[in-house]
Structure formats: C-alpha cells, structure tokens
Amino acid sequence: MTIQCTCLVQEGQIAHAQAESLRVATVNFARQSFGAEPEVNWIEVPKGSGFTEGKPSTSVLVSMNADRALSLAEREPLLRELGQIWEREADRSPDEVVTVISDPQA
C-alpha cells in the first residue's frame, strides 16, 4: 500500500542535502508508523508567495495520510514524532513546523 505525503517548504530555505535527508526521514517514519511506502510530493513555494505574520514564511508543512483511521491517542504521538523529525532535520522551531496525519479517504 502507498500512502500520500505532501511536504510544503519555502523556496531557498531548505538546502538540497537537507531536503534529501528530510525525504529519507519522512519515508522511514511512514514505514515504521504505517508499514507503508509513502509517495512524497515535495512542493517549494516560490519566494515571496508564502507569508506568516505579514513576513516571508519560514514554516514548513508536512501532510500525510495514514493507512487506517487513527484514534486521538494514536495520532498525537505520531504527530509529535513527525514534527520533531522536521524540527531537527530542517532546523526549525516547533512554531515553524505544521504536521498533519489524516485518516484515509473513503
């Protein structure tokens, strides 16, 4: 089974080597958490097109579909773990990382 994952980053804020490290860490997270291979869709928002608090954004967004419906007790630790991976690998603060793990679409 393949699950979808979208990584939305600001152009020029993630170096190529860093992006590759993030992809690998995200794939490993999905494999460990869901036993599934993610299809990672990497999107770079063009400079000047993403703003937070009226300034160019430094935020990243990682959205992944789970392989099954998750309870809140399952979802929260997964969201924390995914966020911590991106905080560490992308050198971002917790306020700059948005993580989403959605239940599969019917």
PDB file of N, CA and C in Angstrom:
ATOM      1  N   MET A   1       0.839  -1.178   0.000  1.00  0.00           N
ATOM      2  CA  MET A   1       0.000   0.000   0.000  1.00  0.00           C
ATOM      3  C   MET A   1       0.886   1.244   0.000  1.00  0.00           C
ATOM      4  N   THR A   2       0.493   2.222  -0.783  1.00  0.00           N
ATOM      5  CA  THR A   2       1.200   3.502  -0.834  1.00  0.00           C
ATOM      6  C   THR A   2       0.351   4.552  -0.137  1.00  0.00           C
ATOM      7  N   ILE A   3       0.987   5.367   0.672  1.00  0.00           N
ATOM      8  CA  ILE A   3       0.277   6.482   1.291  1.00  0.00           C
ATOM      9  C   ILE A   3       0.838   7.786   0.736  1.00  0.00           C
ATOM     10  N   GLN A   4       0.009   8.800   0.715  1.00  0.00           N
ATOM     11  CA  GLN A   4       0.393  10.096   0.167  1.00  0.00           C
ATOM     12  C   GLN A   4       0.995  10.976   1.259  1.00  0.00           C
ATOM     13  N   CYS A   5       2.032  11.701   0.888  1.00  0.00           N
ATOM     14  CA  CYS A   5       2.667  12.652   1.794  1.00  0.00           C
ATOM     15  C   CYS A   5       3.037  13.896   0.996  1.00  0.00           C
ATOM     16  N   THR A   6       2.634  15.050   1.483  1.00  0.00           N
ATOM     17  CA  THR A   6       2.982  16.315   0.849  1.00  0.00           C
ATOM     18  C   THR A   6       3.849  17.120   1.804  1.00  0.00           C
ATOM     19  N   CYS A   7       4.980  17.577   1.292  1.00  0.00           N
ATOM     20  CA  CYS A   7       5.902  18.413   2.060  1.00  0.00           C
ATOM     21  C   CYS A   7       5.950  19.773   1.377  1.00  0.00           C
ATOM     22  N   LEU A   8       5.506  20.783   2.072  1.00  0.00           N
ATOM     23  CA  LEU A   8       5.430  22.142   1.538  1.00  0.00           C
ATOM     24  C   LEU A   8       6.494  22.983   2.231  1.00  0.00           C
ATOM     25  N   VAL A   9       7.461  23.456   1.451  1.00  0.00           N
ATOM     26  CA  VAL A   9       8.575  24.227   2.005  1.00  0.00           C
ATOM     27  C   VAL A   9       8.729  25.526   1.230  1.00  0.00           C
ATOM     28  N   GLN A  10       9.410  26.474   1.823  1.00  0.00           N
ATOM     29  CA  GLN A  10       9.651  27.763   1.184  1.00  0.00           C
ATOM     30  C   GLN A  10      10.904  27.674   0.312  1.00  0.00           C
ATOM     31  N   GLU A  11      10.810  28.142  -0.908  1.00  0.00           N
ATOM     32  CA  GLU A  11      11.928  28.108  -1.848  1.00  0.00           C
ATOM     33  C   GLU A  11      13.180  28.744  -1.237  1.00  0.00           C
ATOM     34  N   GLY A  12      14.294  28.035  -1.363  1.00  0.00           N
ATOM     35  CA  GLY A  12      15.574  28.569  -0.917  1.00  0.00           C
ATOM     36  C   GLY A  12      15.866  28.405   0.562  1.00  0.00           C
ATOM     37  N   GLN A  13      14.933  27.852   1.333  1.00  0.00           N
ATOM     38  CA  GLN A  13      15.163  27.729   2.773  1.00  0.00           C
ATOM     39  C   GLN A  13      15.634  26.346   3.202  1.00  0.00           C
ATOM     40  N   ILE A  14      15.542  25.384   2.298  1.00  0.00           N
ATOM     41  CA  ILE A  14      15.995  24.030   2.591  1.00  0.00           C
ATOM     42  C   ILE A  14      17.040  23.662   1.539  1.00  0.00           C
ATOM     43  N   ALA A  15      18.263  23.433   1.970  1.00  0.00           N
ATOM     44  CA  ALA A  15      19.338  23.056   1.046  1.00  0.00           C
ATOM     45  C   ALA A  15      19.057  21.674   0.454  1.00  0.00           C
ATOM     46  N   HIS A  16      19.642  21.396  -0.719  1.00  0.00           N
ATOM     47  CA  HIS A  16      19.396  20.129  -1.410  1.00  0.00           C
ATOM     48  C   HIS A  16      19.712  18.925  -0.517  1.00  0.00           C
ATOM     49  N   ALA A  17      20.868  18.935   0.137  1.00  0.00           N
ATOM     50  CA  ALA A  17      21.253  17.815   1.008  1.00  0.00           C
ATOM     51  C   ALA A  17      20.280  17.678   2.175  1.00  0.00           C
ATOM     52  N   GLN A  18      19.847  18.804   2.705  1.00  0.00           N
ATOM     53  CA  GLN A  18      18.880  18.814   3.802  1.00  0.00           C
ATOM     54  C   GLN A  18      17.540  18.257   3.317  1.00  0.00           C
ATOM     55  N   ALA A  19      17.128  18.626   2.112  1.00  0.00           N
ATOM     56  CA  ALA A  19      15.871  18.127   1.541  1.00  0.00           C
ATOM     57  C   ALA A  19      15.924  16.613   1.385  1.00  0.00           C
ATOM     58  N   GLU A  20      17.047  16.105   0.930  1.00  0.00           N
ATOM     59  CA  GLU A  20      17.183  14.653   0.761  1.00  0.00           C
ATOM     60  C   GLU A  20      17.117  13.950   2.107  1.00  0.00           C
ATOM     61  N   SER A  21      17.743  14.518   3.125  1.00  0.00           N
ATOM     62  CA  SER A  21      17.695  13.964   4.474  1.00  0.00           C
ATOM     63  C   SER A  21      16.262  13.962   5.008  1.00  0.00           C
ATOM     64  N   LEU A  22      15.523  15.033   4.743  1.00  0.00           N
ATOM     65  CA  LEU A  22      14.122  15.117   5.168  1.00  0.00           C
ATOM     66  C   LEU A  22      13.266  14.069   4.465  1.00  0.00           C
ATOM     67  N   ARG A  23      13.491  13.888   3.174  1.00  0.00           N
ATOM     68  CA  ARG A  23      12.739  12.862   2.428  1.00  0.00           C
ATOM     69  C   ARG A  23      12.979  11.473   3.027  1.00  0.00           C
ATOM     70  N   VAL A  24      14.241  11.152   3.261  1.00  0.00           N
ATOM     71  CA  VAL A  24      14.592   9.845   3.815  1.00  0.00           C
ATOM     72  C   VAL A  24      13.955   9.666   5.195  1.00  0.00           C
ATOM     73  N   ALA A  25      14.053  10.669   6.049  1.00  0.00           N
ATOM     74  CA  ALA A  25      13.480  10.587   7.396  1.00  0.00           C
ATOM     75  C   ALA A  25      11.961  10.450   7.343  1.00  0.00           C
ATOM     76  N   THR A  26      11.319  11.137   6.400  1.00  0.00           N
ATOM     77  CA  THR A  26       9.864  11.067   6.260  1.00  0.00           C
ATOM     78  C   THR A  26       9.440   9.690   5.757  1.00  0.00           C
ATOM     79  N   VAL A  27      10.176   9.151   4.796  1.00  0.00           N
ATOM     80  CA  VAL A  27       9.896   7.797   4.291  1.00  0.00           C
ATOM     81  C   VAL A  27      10.067   6.778   5.416  1.00  0.00           C
ATOM     82  N   ASN A  28      11.139   6.885   6.174  1.00  0.00           N
ATOM     83  CA  ASN A  28      11.375   5.961   7.287  1.00  0.00           C
ATOM     84  C   ASN A  28      10.277   6.057   8.334  1.00  0.00           C
ATOM     85  N   PHE A  29       9.823   7.278   8.628  1.00  0.00           N
ATOM     86  CA  PHE A  29       8.729   7.473   9.581  1.00  0.00           C
ATOM     87  C   PHE A  29       7.477   6.743   9.101  1.00  0.00           C
ATOM     88  N   ALA A  30       7.119   6.912   7.838  1.00  0.00           N
ATOM     89  CA  ALA A  30       5.913   6.271   7.293  1.00  0.00           C
ATOM     90  C   ALA A  30       6.035   4.750   7.326  1.00  0.00           C
ATOM     91  N   ARG A  31       7.191   4.247   6.975  1.00  0.00           N
ATOM     92  CA  ARG A  31       7.404   2.791   7.002  1.00  0.00           C
ATOM     93  C   ARG A  31       7.244   2.241   8.415  1.00  0.00           C
ATOM     94  N   GLN A  32       7.865   2.918   9.382  1.00  0.00           N
ATOM     95  CA  GLN A  32       7.793   2.463  10.777  1.00  0.00           C
ATOM     96  C   GLN A  32       6.390   2.614  11.344  1.00  0.00           C
ATOM     97  N   SER A  33       5.741   3.722  11.047  1.00  0.00           N
ATOM     98  CA  SER A  33       4.449   4.031  11.657  1.00  0.00           C
ATOM     99  C   SER A  33       3.290   3.287  11.013  1.00  0.00           C
ATOM    100  N   PHE A  34       3.371   3.097   9.692  1.00  0.00           N
ATOM    101  CA  PHE A  34       2.229   2.544   8.965  1.00  0.00           C
ATOM    102  C   PHE A  34       2.559   1.290   8.163  1.00  0.00           C
ATOM    103  N   GLY A  35       3.826   0.908   8.132  1.00  0.00           N
ATOM    104  CA  GLY A  35       4.204  -0.254   7.343  1.00  0.00           C
ATOM    105  C   GLY A  35       3.908  -0.061   5.871  1.00  0.00           C
ATOM    106  N   ALA A  36       3.955   1.188   5.435  1.00  0.00           N
ATOM    107  CA  ALA A  36       3.597   1.518   4.055  1.00  0.00           C
ATOM    108  C   ALA A  36       4.648   2.427   3.445  1.00  0.00           C
ATOM    109  N   GLU A  37       4.738   2.351   2.148  1.00  0.00           N
ATOM    110  CA  GLU A  37       5.671   3.189   1.395  1.00  0.00           C
ATOM    111  C   GLU A  37       4.971   4.508   1.051  1.00  0.00           C
ATOM    112  N   PRO A  38       5.526   5.640   1.456  1.00  0.00           N
ATOM    113  CA  PRO A  38       4.885   6.908   1.107  1.00  0.00           C
ATOM    114  C   PRO A  38       5.298   7.392  -0.281  1.00  0.00           C
ATOM    115  N   GLU A  39       4.368   8.023  -0.940  1.00  0.00           N
ATOM    116  CA  GLU A  39       4.683   8.760  -2.162  1.00  0.00           C
ATOM    117  C   GLU A  39       4.840  10.207  -1.727  1.00  0.00           C
ATOM    118  N   VAL A  40       6.072  10.701  -1.723  1.00  0.00           N
ATOM    119  CA  VAL A  40       6.366  12.040  -1.207  1.00  0.00           C
ATOM    120  C   VAL A  40       6.274  13.055  -2.342  1.00  0.00           C
ATOM    121  N   ASN A  41       5.398  14.011  -2.160  1.00  0.00           N
ATOM    122  CA  ASN A  41       5.232  15.113  -3.103  1.00  0.00           C
ATOM    123  C   ASN A  41       5.874  16.349  -2.472  1.00  0.00           C
ATOM    124  N   TRP A  42       6.994  16.776  -3.000  1.00  0.00           N
ATOM    125  CA  TRP A  42       7.777  17.890  -2.462  1.00  0.00           C
ATOM    126  C   TRP A  42       7.391  19.153  -3.219  1.00  0.00           C
ATOM    127  N   ILE A  43       6.877  20.138  -2.525  1.00  0.00           N
ATOM    128  CA  ILE A  43       6.447  21.387  -3.164  1.00  0.00           C
ATOM    129  C   ILE A  43       7.230  22.545  -2.568  1.00  0.00           C
ATOM    130  N   GLU A  44       7.889  23.310  -3.434  1.00  0.00           N
ATOM    131  CA  GLU A  44       8.572  24.527  -2.997  1.00  0.00           C
ATOM    132  C   GLU A  44       7.700  25.721  -3.352  1.00  0.00           C
ATOM    133  N   VAL A  45       7.323  26.479  -2.337  1.00  0.00           N
ATOM    134  CA  VAL A  45       6.543  27.695  -2.539  1.00  0.00           C
ATOM    135  C   VAL A  45       7.504  28.776  -3.024  1.00  0.00           C
ATOM    136  N   PRO A  46       7.225  29.405  -4.172  1.00  0.00           N
ATOM    137  CA  PRO A  46       8.138  30.430  -4.687  1.00  0.00           C
ATOM    138  C   PRO A  46       8.368  31.555  -3.670  1.00  0.00           C
ATOM    139  N   LYS A  47       9.591  32.086  -3.678  1.00  0.00           N
ATOM    140  CA  LYS A  47       9.929  33.195  -2.776  1.00  0.00           C
ATOM    141  C   LYS A  47       8.884  34.295  -2.891  1.00  0.00           C
ATOM    142  N   GLY A  48       8.476  34.812  -1.737  1.00  0.00           N
ATOM    143  CA  GLY A  48       7.511  35.902  -1.696  1.00  0.00           C
ATOM    144  C   GLY A  48       6.067  35.462  -1.809  1.00  0.00           C
ATOM    145  N   SER A  49       5.818  34.160  -1.976  1.00  0.00           N
ATOM    146  CA  SER A  49       4.443  33.675  -2.138  1.00  0.00           C
ATOM    147  C   SER A  49       3.854  33.095  -0.861  1.00  0.00           C
ATOM    148  N   GLY A  50       4.650  32.912   0.176  1.00  0.00           N
ATOM    149  CA  GLY A  50       4.162  32.385   1.441  1.00  0.00           C
ATOM    150  C   GLY A  50       4.515  33.328   2.579  1.00  0.00           C
ATOM    151  N   PHE A  51       3.503  33.768   3.311  1.00  0.00           N
ATOM    152  CA  PHE A  51       3.723  34.717   4.400  1.00  0.00           C
ATOM    153  C   PHE A  51       3.134  34.191   5.699  1.00  0.00           C
ATOM    154  N   THR A  52       3.780  34.516   6.811  1.00  0.00           N
ATOM    155  CA  THR A  52       3.291  34.280   8.159  1.00  0.00           C
ATOM    156  C   THR A  52       3.498  35.571   8.924  1.00  0.00           C
ATOM    157  N   GLU A  53       2.472  36.032   9.602  1.00  0.00           N
ATOM    158  CA  GLU A  53       2.548  37.281  10.366  1.00  0.00           C
ATOM    159  C   GLU A  53       3.040  38.441   9.514  1.00  0.00           C
ATOM    160  N   GLY A  54       2.639  38.474   8.242  1.00  0.00           N
ATOM    161  CA  GLY A  54       2.979  39.593   7.365  1.00  0.00           C
ATOM    162  C   GLY A  54       4.414  39.625   6.874  1.00  0.00           C
ATOM    163  N   LYS A  55       5.161  38.514   7.083  1.00  0.00           N
ATOM    164  CA  LYS A  55       6.558  38.432   6.634  1.00  0.00           C
ATOM    165  C   LYS A  55       6.735  37.140   5.845  1.00  0.00           C
ATOM    166  N   PRO A  56       7.761  37.086   4.984  1.00  0.00           N
ATOM    167  CA  PRO A  56       8.017  35.822   4.287  1.00  0.00           C
ATOM    168  C   PRO A  56       8.118  34.673   5.296  1.00  0.00           C
ATOM    169  N   SER A  57       7.406  33.608   5.011  1.00  0.00           N
ATOM    170  CA  SER A  57       7.302  32.497   5.947  1.00  0.00           C
ATOM    171  C   SER A  57       8.559  31.637   5.980  1.00  0.00           C
ATOM    172  N   THR A  58       8.855  31.121   7.154  1.00  0.00           N
ATOM    173  CA  THR A  58       9.914  30.125   7.317  1.00  0.00           C
ATOM    174  C   THR A  58       9.303  28.780   7.723  1.00  0.00           C
ATOM    175  N   SER A  59       7.985  28.704   7.677  1.00  0.00           N
ATOM    176  CA  SER A  59       7.281  27.490   8.092  1.00  0.00           C
ATOM    177  C   SER A  59       7.349  26.400   7.034  1.00  0.00           C
ATOM    178  N   VAL A  60       7.229  25.167   7.501  1.00  0.00           N
ATOM    179  CA  VAL A  60       7.095  24.004   6.631  1.00  0.00           C
ATOM    180  C   VAL A  60       5.814  23.286   7.033  1.00  0.00           C
ATOM    181  N   LEU A  61       5.213  22.605   6.078  1.00  0.00           N
ATOM    182  CA  LEU A  61       4.012  21.830   6.347  1.00  0.00           C
ATOM    183  C   LEU A  61       4.228  20.423   5.806  1.00  0.00           C
ATOM    184  N   VAL A  62       3.954  19.435   6.642  1.00  0.00           N
ATOM    185  CA  VAL A  62       4.069  18.035   6.244  1.00  0.00           C
ATOM    186  C   VAL A  62       2.717  17.385   6.486  1.00  0.00           C
ATOM    187  N   SER A  63       2.096  16.919   5.417  1.00  0.00           N
ATOM    188  CA  SER A  63       0.769  16.310   5.498  1.00  0.00           C
ATOM    189  C   SER A  63       0.840  14.894   4.951  1.00  0.00           C
ATOM    190  N   MET A  64       0.392  13.949   5.756  1.00  0.00           N
ATOM    191  CA  MET A  64       0.488  12.533   5.390  1.00  0.00           C
ATOM    192  C   MET A  64      -0.847  11.853   5.659  1.00  0.00           C
ATOM    193  N   ASN A  65      -1.233  10.944   4.786  1.00  0.00           N
ATOM    194  CA  ASN A  65      -2.414  10.121   5.030  1.00  0.00           C
ATOM    195  C   ASN A  65      -1.987   8.868   5.773  1.00  0.00           C
ATOM    196  N   ALA A  66      -2.738   8.508   6.798  1.00  0.00           N
ATOM    197  CA  ALA A  66      -2.493   7.253   7.500  1.00  0.00           C
ATOM    198  C   ALA A  66      -3.059   6.107   6.661  1.00  0.00           C
ATOM    199  N   ASP A  67      -2.681   4.897   7.005  1.00  0.00           N
ATOM    200  CA  ASP A  67      -3.197   3.727   6.294  1.00  0.00           C
ATOM    201  C   ASP A  67      -4.508   3.228   6.888  1.00  0.00           C
ATOM    202  N   ARG A  68      -4.909   3.834   7.996  1.00  0.00           N
ATOM    203  CA  ARG A  68      -6.118   3.413   8.709  1.00  0.00           C
ATOM    204  C   ARG A  68      -6.636   4.594   9.520  1.00  0.00           C
ATOM    205  N   ALA A  69      -7.861   4.502   9.997  1.00  0.00           N
ATOM    206  CA  ALA A  69      -8.392   5.525  10.898  1.00  0.00           C
ATOM    207  C   ALA A  69      -7.627   5.438  12.221  1.00  0.00           C
ATOM    208  N   LEU A  70      -7.217   6.583  12.727  1.00  0.00           N
ATOM    209  CA  LEU A  70      -6.438   6.629  13.966  1.00  0.00           C
ATOM    210  C   LEU A  70      -7.253   7.252  15.085  1.00  0.00           C
ATOM    211  N   SER A  71      -7.089   6.709  16.275  1.00  0.00           N
ATOM    212  CA  SER A  71      -7.669   7.355  17.448  1.00  0.00           C
ATOM    213  C   SER A  71      -6.778   8.538  17.813  1.00  0.00           C
ATOM    214  N   LEU A  72      -7.302   9.441  18.610  1.00  0.00           N
ATOM    215  CA  LEU A  72      -6.511  10.583  19.059  1.00  0.00           C
ATOM    216  C   LEU A  72      -5.281  10.105  19.835  1.00  0.00           C
ATOM    217  N   ALA A  73      -5.452   9.044  20.622  1.00  0.00           N
ATOM    218  CA  ALA A  73      -4.338   8.505  21.407  1.00  0.00           C
ATOM    219  C   ALA A  73      -3.220   7.969  20.509  1.00  0.00           C
ATOM    220  N   GLU A  74      -3.558   7.477  19.315  1.00  0.00           N
ATOM    221  CA  GLU A  74      -2.541   7.032  18.353  1.00  0.00           C
ATOM    222  C   GLU A  74      -1.954   8.209  17.587  1.00  0.00           C
ATOM    223  N   ARG A  75      -2.823   9.131  17.190  1.00  0.00           N
ATOM    224  CA  ARG A  75      -2.426  10.223  16.298  1.00  0.00           C
ATOM    225  C   ARG A  75      -1.460  11.210  16.964  1.00  0.00           C
ATOM    226  N   GLU A  76      -1.743  11.607  18.200  1.00  0.00           N
ATOM    227  CA  GLU A  76      -0.932  12.644  18.849  1.00  0.00           C
ATOM    228  C   GLU A  76       0.557  12.295  18.930  1.00  0.00           C
ATOM    229  N   PRO A  77       0.930  11.093  19.381  1.00  0.00           N
ATOM    230  CA  PRO A  77       2.369  10.797  19.430  1.00  0.00           C
ATOM    231  C   PRO A  77       3.010  10.740  18.042  1.00  0.00           C
ATOM    232  N   LEU A  78       2.254  10.295  17.039  1.00  0.00           N
ATOM    233  CA  LEU A  78       2.785  10.273  15.674  1.00  0.00           C
ATOM    234  C   LEU A  78       3.028  11.691  15.169  1.00  0.00           C
ATOM    235  N   LEU A  79       2.090  12.593  15.444  1.00  0.00           N
ATOM    236  CA  LEU A  79       2.259  13.993  15.041  1.00  0.00           C
ATOM    237  C   LEU A  79       3.474  14.612  15.726  1.00  0.00           C
ATOM    238  N   ARG A  80       3.635  14.324  17.010  1.00  0.00           N
ATOM    239  CA  ARG A  80       4.789  14.847  17.745  1.00  0.00           C
ATOM    240  C   ARG A  80       6.096  14.325  17.148  1.00  0.00           C
ATOM    241  N   GLU A  81       6.134  13.025  16.881  1.00  0.00           N
ATOM    242  CA  GLU A  81       7.356  12.421  16.336  1.00  0.00           C
ATOM    243  C   GLU A  81       7.692  12.997  14.963  1.00  0.00           C
ATOM    244  N   LEU A  82       6.696  13.098  14.091  1.00  0.00           N
ATOM    245  CA  LEU A  82       6.926  13.661  12.760  1.00  0.00           C
ATOM    246  C   LEU A  82       7.394  15.114  12.867  1.00  0.00           C
ATOM    247  N   GLY A  83       6.775  15.882  13.753  1.00  0.00           N
ATOM    248  CA  GLY A  83       7.188  17.269  13.963  1.00  0.00           C
ATOM    249  C   GLY A  83       8.622  17.372  14.450  1.00  0.00           C
ATOM    250  N   GLN A  84       8.999  16.509  15.381  1.00  0.00           N
ATOM    251  CA  GLN A  84      10.366  16.535  15.911  1.00  0.00           C
ATOM    252  C   GLN A  84      11.391  16.170  14.841  1.00  0.00           C
ATOM    253  N   ILE A  85      11.029  15.239  13.967  1.00  0.00           N
ATOM    254  CA  ILE A  85      11.926  14.892  12.854  1.00  0.00           C
ATOM    255  C   ILE A  85      12.187  16.129  12.015  1.00  0.00           C
ATOM    256  N   TRP A  86      11.125  16.836  11.659  1.00  0.00           N
ATOM    257  CA  TRP A  86      11.272  18.014  10.797  1.00  0.00           C
ATOM    258  C   TRP A  86      11.936  19.177  11.521  1.00  0.00           C
ATOM    259  N   GLU A  87      11.673  19.343  12.807  1.00  0.00           N
ATOM    260  CA  GLU A  87      12.360  20.390  13.571  1.00  0.00           C
ATOM    261  C   GLU A  87      13.869  20.151  13.535  1.00  0.00           C
ATOM    262  N   ARG A  88      14.254  18.915  13.771  1.00  0.00           N
ATOM    263  CA  ARG A  88      15.679  18.559  13.818  1.00  0.00           C
ATOM    264  C   ARG A  88      16.317  18.642  12.427  1.00  0.00           C
ATOM    265  N   GLU A  89      15.734  17.986  11.450  1.00  0.00           N
ATOM    266  CA  GLU A  89      16.344  17.882  10.119  1.00  0.00           C
ATOM    267  C   GLU A  89      16.276  19.185   9.321  1.00  0.00           C
ATOM    268  N   ALA A  90      15.214  19.979   9.542  1.00  0.00           N
ATOM    269  CA  ALA A  90      15.062  21.246   8.805  1.00  0.00           C
ATOM    270  C   ALA A  90      15.554  22.435   9.613  1.00  0.00           C
ATOM    271  N   ASP A  91      16.018  22.172  10.841  1.00  0.00           N
ATOM    272  CA  ASP A  91      16.490  23.237  11.728  1.00  0.00           C
ATOM    273  C   ASP A  91      15.417  24.311  11.898  1.00  0.00           C
ATOM    274  N   ARG A  92      14.228  23.869  12.298  1.00  0.00           N
ATOM    275  CA  ARG A  92      13.090  24.764  12.501  1.00  0.00           C
ATOM    276  C   ARG A  92      12.625  24.664  13.952  1.00  0.00           C
ATOM    277  N   SER A  93      11.990  25.718  14.432  1.00  0.00           N
ATOM    278  CA  SER A  93      11.403  25.702  15.769  1.00  0.00           C
ATOM    279  C   SER A  93      10.052  24.979  15.697  1.00  0.00           C
ATOM    280  N   PRO A  94       9.520  24.554  16.843  1.00  0.00           N
ATOM    281  CA  PRO A  94       8.199  23.923  16.837  1.00  0.00           C
ATOM    282  C   PRO A  94       7.116  24.819  16.222  1.00  0.00           C
ATOM    283  N   ASP A  95       7.263  26.131  16.357  1.00  0.00           N
ATOM    284  CA  ASP A  95       6.286  27.061  15.787  1.00  0.00           C
ATOM    285  C   ASP A  95       6.356  27.133  14.266  1.00  0.00           C
ATOM    286  N   GLU A  96       7.417  26.608  13.671  1.00  0.00           N
ATOM    287  CA  GLU A  96       7.589  26.679  12.218  1.00  0.00           C
ATOM    288  C   GLU A  96       7.241  25.373  11.505  1.00  0.00           C
ATOM    289  N   VAL A  97       6.836  24.355  12.261  1.00  0.00           N
ATOM    290  CA  VAL A  97       6.539  23.049  11.665  1.00  0.00           C
ATOM    291  C   VAL A  97       5.070  22.708  11.902  1.00  0.00           C
ATOM    292  N   VAL A  98       4.343  22.521  10.810  1.00  0.00           N
ATOM    293  CA  VAL A  98       2.945  22.098  10.874  1.00  0.00           C
ATOM    294  C   VAL A  98       2.891  20.661  10.374  1.00  0.00           C
ATOM    295  N   THR A  99       2.358  19.758  11.194  1.00  0.00           N
ATOM    296  CA  THR A  99       2.227  18.365  10.784  1.00  0.00           C
ATOM    297  C   THR A  99       0.759  17.977  10.761  1.00  0.00           C
ATOM    298  N   VAL A 100       0.405  17.171   9.765  1.00  0.00           N
ATOM    299  CA  VAL A 100      -0.960  16.678   9.607  1.00  0.00           C
ATOM    300  C   VAL A 100      -0.870  15.189   9.289  1.00  0.00           C
ATOM    301  N   ILE A 101      -1.629  14.383  10.022  1.00  0.00           N
ATOM    302  CA  ILE A 101      -1.790  12.972   9.666  1.00  0.00           C
ATOM    303  C   ILE A 101      -3.287  12.728   9.586  1.00  0.00           C
ATOM    304  N   SER A 102      -3.760  12.533   8.363  1.00  0.00           N
ATOM    305  CA  SER A 102      -5.194  12.389   8.101  1.00  0.00           C
ATOM    306  C   SER A 102      -5.575  10.922   7.982  1.00  0.00           C
ATOM    307  N   ASP A 103      -6.818  10.625   8.338  1.00  0.00           N
ATOM    308  CA  ASP A 103      -7.351   9.289   8.094  1.00  0.00           C
ATOM    309  C   ASP A 103      -7.529   9.103   6.593  1.00  0.00           C
ATOM    310  N   PRO A 104      -7.498   7.858   6.116  1.00  0.00           N
ATOM    311  CA  PRO A 104      -7.671   7.633   4.679  1.00  0.00           C
ATOM    312  C   PRO A 104      -9.048   8.098   4.207  1.00  0.00           C
ATOM    313  N   GLN A 105      -9.098   8.535   2.959  1.00  0.00           N
ATOM    314  CA  GLN A 105     -10.365   8.936   2.355  1.00  0.00           C
ATOM    315  C   GLN A 105     -11.168   7.676   2.046  1.00  0.00           C
ATOM    316  N   ALA A 106     -12.467   7.751   2.247  1.00  0.00           N
ATOM    317  CA  ALA A 106     -13.334   6.582   1.966  1.00  0.00           C
ATOM    318  C   ALA A 106     -13.482   6.378   0.478  1.00  0.00           C
TER     319      ALA A 106
END
